[in-house]
């Protein structure tokens, strides 16, 4: 069973940056694509992006393209979500997720089998 742990959330001013990390407390991330979802207050969870084990990335909401970047650090067994030029609309709980396999499987929640507990990102002045 893959267990995912997120870190790096916090409070940031509009226009600021954060880097979220995803690590595995069991097994290894090397064999799994890793995605990120977020849930804003009062809204459904939405997919933010995904990276395959081969390093291919996909981003879904138009609002995050060009501002968010997903990367893998195989040496440190981690996946990162770099958040730049943050907006209050980016506020929410960010979840690290993984499907069964090396490839990204789209933006549907049901496609991802493993979920972390989430880390809170608050963008406010």
N, C-alpha and C. Protein backbone atom coordinates (compact mmCIF):
# COMPACT_ATOMS: atom_id res chain seq x y z
N UNK A 1 0.84 -1.18 0.00
CA UNK A 1 0.00 0.00 0.00
C UNK A 1 0.89 1.25 0.00
N UNK A 2 0.66 2.09 -0.97
CA UNK A 2 1.44 3.32 -1.07
C UNK A 2 0.83 4.38 -0.16
N UNK A 3 1.62 4.96 0.72
CA UNK A 3 1.15 6.04 1.58
C UNK A 3 1.89 7.31 1.22
N UNK A 4 1.12 8.34 0.94
CA UNK A 4 1.68 9.60 0.47
C UNK A 4 1.58 10.65 1.56
N UNK A 5 2.59 11.48 1.66
CA UNK A 5 2.64 12.53 2.67
C UNK A 5 3.02 13.85 2.00
N UNK A 6 2.14 14.85 2.16
CA UNK A 6 2.42 16.16 1.61
C UNK A 6 3.00 17.07 2.68
N UNK A 7 3.74 18.05 2.24
CA UNK A 7 4.25 19.09 3.14
C UNK A 7 4.49 20.35 2.34
N UNK A 8 4.69 21.45 3.06
CA UNK A 8 5.07 22.69 2.40
C UNK A 8 3.96 23.73 2.27
N UNK A 9 2.76 23.40 2.71
CA UNK A 9 1.69 24.38 2.65
C UNK A 9 1.90 25.50 3.65
N UNK A 10 1.06 26.52 3.54
CA UNK A 10 1.17 27.64 4.47
C UNK A 10 0.40 28.84 3.99
N UNK A 11 0.66 29.96 4.64
CA UNK A 11 0.02 31.23 4.31
C UNK A 11 0.99 32.07 3.49
N UNK A 12 0.51 32.59 2.38
CA UNK A 12 1.36 33.40 1.51
C UNK A 12 0.55 34.56 0.97
N UNK A 13 1.21 35.66 0.70
CA UNK A 13 0.54 36.83 0.13
C UNK A 13 0.30 36.63 -1.36
N UNK A 14 -0.68 37.30 -1.91
CA UNK A 14 -0.89 37.24 -3.37
C UNK A 14 0.38 37.61 -4.12
N UNK A 15 0.66 36.85 -5.14
CA UNK A 15 1.89 37.05 -5.90
C UNK A 15 3.06 36.25 -5.39
N UNK A 16 2.91 35.64 -4.23
CA UNK A 16 3.99 34.88 -3.63
C UNK A 16 4.09 33.47 -4.18
N UNK A 17 5.02 32.70 -3.62
CA UNK A 17 5.29 31.35 -4.10
C UNK A 17 5.36 30.37 -2.93
N UNK A 18 5.08 29.13 -3.24
CA UNK A 18 5.25 28.02 -2.30
C UNK A 18 5.73 26.81 -3.09
N UNK A 19 6.42 25.92 -2.40
CA UNK A 19 6.75 24.64 -3.01
C UNK A 19 6.19 23.53 -2.12
N UNK A 20 5.30 22.76 -2.67
CA UNK A 20 4.74 21.62 -1.98
C UNK A 20 5.54 20.38 -2.31
N UNK A 21 5.67 19.51 -1.32
CA UNK A 21 6.41 18.26 -1.52
C UNK A 21 5.49 17.08 -1.27
N UNK A 22 5.76 16.02 -2.00
CA UNK A 22 5.05 14.76 -1.81
C UNK A 22 6.09 13.68 -1.65
N UNK A 23 6.00 12.93 -0.57
CA UNK A 23 6.91 11.82 -0.33
C UNK A 23 6.09 10.59 0.02
N UNK A 24 6.73 9.44 -0.08
CA UNK A 24 6.07 8.19 0.26
C UNK A 24 6.65 7.64 1.55
N UNK A 25 5.75 7.27 2.47
CA UNK A 25 6.23 6.69 3.72
C UNK A 25 6.37 5.17 3.60
N UNK A 26 5.80 4.63 2.55
CA UNK A 26 5.94 3.20 2.25
C UNK A 26 6.23 3.06 0.76
N UNK A 27 6.80 2.00 0.35
CA UNK A 27 7.11 1.75 -1.07
C UNK A 27 7.93 2.90 -1.64
N UNK A 28 7.95 3.04 -2.92
CA UNK A 28 8.76 4.06 -3.56
C UNK A 28 7.93 4.79 -4.61
N UNK A 29 8.17 6.07 -4.73
CA UNK A 29 7.48 6.84 -5.75
C UNK A 29 7.98 6.53 -7.16
N UNK A 30 9.12 5.86 -7.26
CA UNK A 30 9.75 5.63 -8.56
C UNK A 30 8.85 4.91 -9.55
N UNK A 31 7.89 4.14 -9.04
CA UNK A 31 7.08 3.29 -9.92
C UNK A 31 5.70 3.86 -10.19
N UNK A 32 5.45 5.09 -9.71
CA UNK A 32 4.12 5.66 -9.81
C UNK A 32 4.14 7.05 -10.44
N UNK A 33 3.19 7.28 -11.32
CA UNK A 33 2.91 8.66 -11.68
C UNK A 33 2.36 9.36 -10.44
N UNK A 34 2.61 10.64 -10.32
CA UNK A 34 2.12 11.41 -9.17
C UNK A 34 1.35 12.62 -9.67
N UNK A 35 0.17 12.77 -9.12
CA UNK A 35 -0.66 13.92 -9.47
C UNK A 35 -0.92 14.79 -8.27
N UNK A 36 -1.46 15.96 -8.56
CA UNK A 36 -1.88 16.89 -7.51
C UNK A 36 -3.31 17.32 -7.78
N UNK A 37 -4.12 17.29 -6.73
CA UNK A 37 -5.47 17.82 -6.75
C UNK A 37 -5.55 18.93 -5.72
N UNK A 38 -6.57 19.73 -5.83
CA UNK A 38 -6.82 20.73 -4.80
C UNK A 38 -8.32 20.87 -4.59
N UNK A 39 -8.65 21.33 -3.39
CA UNK A 39 -10.06 21.56 -3.06
C UNK A 39 -10.18 22.90 -2.36
N UNK A 40 -10.85 23.82 -3.01
CA UNK A 40 -11.11 25.12 -2.42
C UNK A 40 -12.34 25.03 -1.52
N UNK A 41 -12.46 25.92 -0.56
CA UNK A 41 -13.64 25.90 0.33
C UNK A 41 -14.94 25.95 -0.46
N UNK A 42 -15.81 25.00 -0.19
CA UNK A 42 -17.11 24.99 -0.83
C UNK A 42 -17.12 24.50 -2.27
N UNK A 43 -16.00 23.99 -2.74
CA UNK A 43 -15.92 23.54 -4.13
C UNK A 43 -15.47 22.09 -4.20
N UNK A 44 -15.69 21.48 -5.35
CA UNK A 44 -15.24 20.11 -5.56
C UNK A 44 -13.72 20.06 -5.73
N UNK A 45 -13.17 18.90 -5.47
CA UNK A 45 -11.75 18.70 -5.74
C UNK A 45 -11.52 18.75 -7.25
N UNK A 46 -10.43 19.39 -7.64
CA UNK A 46 -10.09 19.45 -9.05
C UNK A 46 -8.63 19.06 -9.24
N UNK A 47 -8.38 18.45 -10.38
CA UNK A 47 -7.02 18.07 -10.71
C UNK A 47 -6.22 19.30 -11.09
N UNK A 48 -4.99 19.32 -10.63
CA UNK A 48 -4.08 20.43 -10.94
C UNK A 48 -3.07 20.00 -12.00
N UNK A 49 -2.50 18.83 -11.82
CA UNK A 49 -1.50 18.36 -12.77
C UNK A 49 -0.98 17.00 -12.38
N UNK A 50 -0.12 16.47 -13.21
CA UNK A 50 0.41 15.13 -13.00
C UNK A 50 1.76 15.00 -13.68
N UNK A 51 2.61 14.12 -13.12
CA UNK A 51 3.89 13.82 -13.75
C UNK A 51 4.05 12.31 -13.79
N UNK A 52 4.43 11.79 -14.94
CA UNK A 52 4.66 10.36 -15.06
C UNK A 52 6.03 10.00 -14.51
N UNK A 53 6.32 8.72 -14.43
CA UNK A 53 7.65 8.33 -13.96
C UNK A 53 8.72 8.68 -14.99
N UNK A 54 8.30 8.99 -16.22
CA UNK A 54 9.23 9.37 -17.27
C UNK A 54 9.46 10.87 -17.33
N UNK A 55 8.75 11.59 -16.45
CA UNK A 55 8.94 13.04 -16.40
C UNK A 55 7.99 13.85 -17.24
N UNK A 56 7.06 13.20 -17.94
CA UNK A 56 6.07 13.93 -18.73
C UNK A 56 5.04 14.56 -17.80
N UNK A 57 4.72 15.81 -18.06
CA UNK A 57 3.78 16.53 -17.19
C UNK A 57 2.54 16.97 -17.96
N UNK A 58 1.47 17.04 -17.22
CA UNK A 58 0.18 17.52 -17.74
C UNK A 58 -0.44 18.42 -16.69
N UNK A 59 -1.03 19.54 -17.14
CA UNK A 59 -1.70 20.47 -16.23
C UNK A 59 -3.11 20.69 -16.75
N UNK A 60 -4.07 20.83 -15.83
CA UNK A 60 -5.44 20.92 -16.28
C UNK A 60 -6.11 22.27 -16.16
N UNK A 61 -6.24 22.89 -15.04
CA UNK A 61 -6.97 24.14 -15.12
C UNK A 61 -6.15 25.18 -15.90
N UNK A 62 -6.78 25.88 -16.79
CA UNK A 62 -6.07 26.91 -17.54
C UNK A 62 -5.45 27.94 -16.61
N UNK A 63 -6.06 28.12 -15.46
CA UNK A 63 -5.60 29.15 -14.53
C UNK A 63 -4.23 28.85 -13.92
N UNK A 64 -3.82 27.57 -13.95
CA UNK A 64 -2.54 27.25 -13.32
C UNK A 64 -1.41 27.10 -14.33
N UNK A 65 -1.75 26.97 -15.59
CA UNK A 65 -0.71 26.78 -16.60
C UNK A 65 0.19 28.01 -16.66
N UNK A 66 1.47 27.74 -16.61
CA UNK A 66 2.45 28.82 -16.60
C UNK A 66 2.79 29.31 -15.21
N UNK A 67 2.00 28.91 -14.22
CA UNK A 67 2.29 29.33 -12.85
C UNK A 67 2.71 28.17 -11.97
N UNK A 68 2.17 26.98 -12.22
CA UNK A 68 2.47 25.80 -11.41
C UNK A 68 3.38 24.86 -12.20
N UNK A 69 4.31 24.24 -11.50
CA UNK A 69 5.22 23.29 -12.14
C UNK A 69 5.40 22.07 -11.26
N UNK A 70 5.26 20.90 -11.86
CA UNK A 70 5.48 19.65 -11.15
C UNK A 70 6.81 19.07 -11.58
N UNK A 71 7.56 18.58 -10.61
CA UNK A 71 8.85 17.96 -10.93
C UNK A 71 9.10 16.78 -10.02
N UNK A 72 10.01 15.92 -10.45
CA UNK A 72 10.38 14.76 -9.66
C UNK A 72 11.84 14.89 -9.25
N UNK A 73 12.13 14.46 -8.05
CA UNK A 73 13.50 14.38 -7.56
C UNK A 73 13.74 12.95 -7.15
N UNK A 74 14.24 12.16 -8.07
CA UNK A 74 14.39 10.73 -7.79
C UNK A 74 15.41 10.47 -6.70
N UNK A 75 16.43 11.29 -6.63
CA UNK A 75 17.46 11.08 -5.62
C UNK A 75 16.88 11.23 -4.22
N UNK A 76 15.97 12.19 -4.07
CA UNK A 76 15.37 12.44 -2.76
C UNK A 76 13.99 11.79 -2.60
N UNK A 77 13.60 11.01 -3.60
CA UNK A 77 12.34 10.27 -3.52
C UNK A 77 11.17 11.22 -3.25
N UNK A 78 11.09 12.28 -4.02
CA UNK A 78 10.03 13.26 -3.79
C UNK A 78 9.52 13.80 -5.12
N UNK A 79 8.30 14.30 -5.06
CA UNK A 79 7.70 15.03 -6.17
C UNK A 79 7.29 16.39 -5.64
N UNK A 80 7.53 17.43 -6.44
CA UNK A 80 7.26 18.78 -5.99
C UNK A 80 6.20 19.45 -6.85
N UNK A 81 5.44 20.32 -6.23
CA UNK A 81 4.53 21.21 -6.95
C UNK A 81 4.94 22.64 -6.60
N UNK A 82 5.55 23.29 -7.55
CA UNK A 82 5.96 24.68 -7.37
C UNK A 82 4.80 25.59 -7.75
N UNK A 83 4.41 26.43 -6.82
CA UNK A 83 3.29 27.35 -7.02
C UNK A 83 3.83 28.77 -7.07
N UNK A 84 3.69 29.42 -8.20
CA UNK A 84 4.18 30.79 -8.36
C UNK A 84 3.04 31.75 -8.65
N UNK A 85 3.30 33.02 -8.37
CA UNK A 85 2.32 34.08 -8.63
C UNK A 85 0.94 33.68 -8.10
N UNK A 86 0.91 33.32 -6.84
CA UNK A 86 -0.31 32.79 -6.24
C UNK A 86 -1.40 33.85 -6.12
N UNK A 87 -2.60 33.39 -6.26
CA UNK A 87 -3.81 34.23 -6.22
C UNK A 87 -4.72 33.70 -5.12
N UNK A 88 -5.53 34.54 -4.50
CA UNK A 88 -6.47 34.03 -3.48
C UNK A 88 -7.34 32.87 -4.00
N UNK A 89 -7.59 32.81 -5.28
CA UNK A 89 -8.37 31.71 -5.85
C UNK A 89 -7.63 30.38 -5.76
N UNK A 90 -6.34 30.41 -5.48
CA UNK A 90 -5.56 29.18 -5.34
C UNK A 90 -5.66 28.60 -3.93
N UNK A 91 -6.32 29.29 -3.04
CA UNK A 91 -6.48 28.81 -1.68
C UNK A 91 -7.23 27.49 -1.66
N UNK A 92 -6.73 26.56 -0.84
CA UNK A 92 -7.39 25.28 -0.71
C UNK A 92 -6.46 24.24 -0.11
N UNK A 93 -6.98 23.04 0.00
CA UNK A 93 -6.17 21.91 0.44
C UNK A 93 -5.63 21.21 -0.81
N UNK A 94 -4.35 20.99 -0.81
CA UNK A 94 -3.68 20.37 -1.96
C UNK A 94 -3.32 18.93 -1.59
N UNK A 95 -3.69 18.02 -2.48
CA UNK A 95 -3.50 16.60 -2.25
C UNK A 95 -2.53 16.01 -3.28
N UNK A 96 -1.66 15.18 -2.80
CA UNK A 96 -0.78 14.38 -3.64
C UNK A 96 -1.48 13.04 -3.88
N UNK A 97 -1.49 12.58 -5.13
CA UNK A 97 -2.23 11.36 -5.48
C UNK A 97 -1.40 10.51 -6.42
N UNK A 98 -1.76 9.23 -6.48
CA UNK A 98 -1.07 8.34 -7.39
C UNK A 98 -2.04 7.32 -7.97
N UNK A 99 -1.90 7.00 -9.25
CA UNK A 99 -2.68 5.93 -9.85
C UNK A 99 -1.91 4.62 -9.72
N UNK A 100 -2.46 3.58 -10.26
CA UNK A 100 -1.75 2.30 -10.30
C UNK A 100 -0.91 2.27 -11.57
N UNK A 101 0.28 2.77 -11.50
CA UNK A 101 1.12 2.72 -12.69
C UNK A 101 1.97 3.94 -12.90
N UNK A 102 2.71 3.89 -13.97
CA UNK A 102 3.71 4.91 -14.24
C UNK A 102 3.18 6.11 -15.02
N UNK A 103 2.02 5.97 -15.62
CA UNK A 103 1.51 7.02 -16.50
C UNK A 103 0.38 7.81 -15.84
N UNK A 104 0.27 9.07 -16.19
CA UNK A 104 -0.84 9.88 -15.72
C UNK A 104 -2.13 9.36 -16.37
N UNK A 105 -3.21 9.46 -15.63
CA UNK A 105 -4.46 8.82 -16.06
C UNK A 105 -5.60 9.81 -16.17
N UNK A 106 -5.30 11.07 -16.39
CA UNK A 106 -6.36 12.03 -16.59
C UNK A 106 -6.69 12.79 -15.33
N UNK A 107 -7.78 13.54 -15.39
CA UNK A 107 -8.12 14.46 -14.30
C UNK A 107 -9.27 14.00 -13.41
N UNK A 108 -9.74 12.79 -13.61
CA UNK A 108 -10.85 12.31 -12.78
C UNK A 108 -10.35 11.79 -11.44
N UNK A 109 -11.03 12.16 -10.39
CA UNK A 109 -10.63 11.71 -9.05
C UNK A 109 -10.59 10.19 -8.96
N UNK A 110 -11.55 9.55 -9.62
CA UNK A 110 -11.69 8.10 -9.49
C UNK A 110 -10.52 7.34 -10.10
N UNK A 111 -9.74 8.01 -10.91
CA UNK A 111 -8.61 7.35 -11.58
C UNK A 111 -7.41 7.19 -10.67
N UNK A 112 -7.43 7.82 -9.52
CA UNK A 112 -6.28 7.81 -8.62
C UNK A 112 -6.59 6.98 -7.38
N UNK A 113 -5.71 6.04 -7.12
CA UNK A 113 -5.97 5.05 -6.07
C UNK A 113 -5.43 5.46 -4.71
N UNK A 114 -4.41 6.27 -4.70
CA UNK A 114 -3.74 6.63 -3.45
C UNK A 114 -3.80 8.13 -3.26
N UNK A 115 -4.14 8.53 -2.03
CA UNK A 115 -4.28 9.94 -1.69
C UNK A 115 -3.54 10.25 -0.40
N UNK A 116 -2.86 11.40 -0.38
CA UNK A 116 -2.31 11.87 0.87
C UNK A 116 -3.38 12.57 1.69
N UNK A 117 -3.00 13.06 2.85
CA UNK A 117 -3.94 13.73 3.75
C UNK A 117 -4.18 15.19 3.37
N UNK A 118 -3.31 15.73 2.57
CA UNK A 118 -3.50 17.10 2.12
C UNK A 118 -2.70 18.10 2.93
N UNK A 119 -2.39 19.21 2.29
CA UNK A 119 -1.71 20.31 2.95
C UNK A 119 -2.41 21.61 2.56
N UNK A 120 -2.61 22.48 3.55
CA UNK A 120 -3.39 23.69 3.34
C UNK A 120 -2.53 24.79 2.73
N UNK A 121 -3.05 25.40 1.68
CA UNK A 121 -2.44 26.59 1.08
C UNK A 121 -3.44 27.72 1.20
N UNK A 122 -3.02 28.81 1.82
CA UNK A 122 -3.88 29.97 1.98
C UNK A 122 -3.19 31.17 1.37
N UNK A 123 -3.87 31.80 0.42
CA UNK A 123 -3.32 32.98 -0.23
C UNK A 123 -4.18 34.18 0.19
N UNK A 124 -3.58 35.06 0.95
CA UNK A 124 -4.34 36.17 1.50
C UNK A 124 -3.40 37.32 1.82
N UNK A 125 -3.94 38.51 1.69
CA UNK A 125 -3.16 39.69 2.07
C UNK A 125 -3.45 40.06 3.53
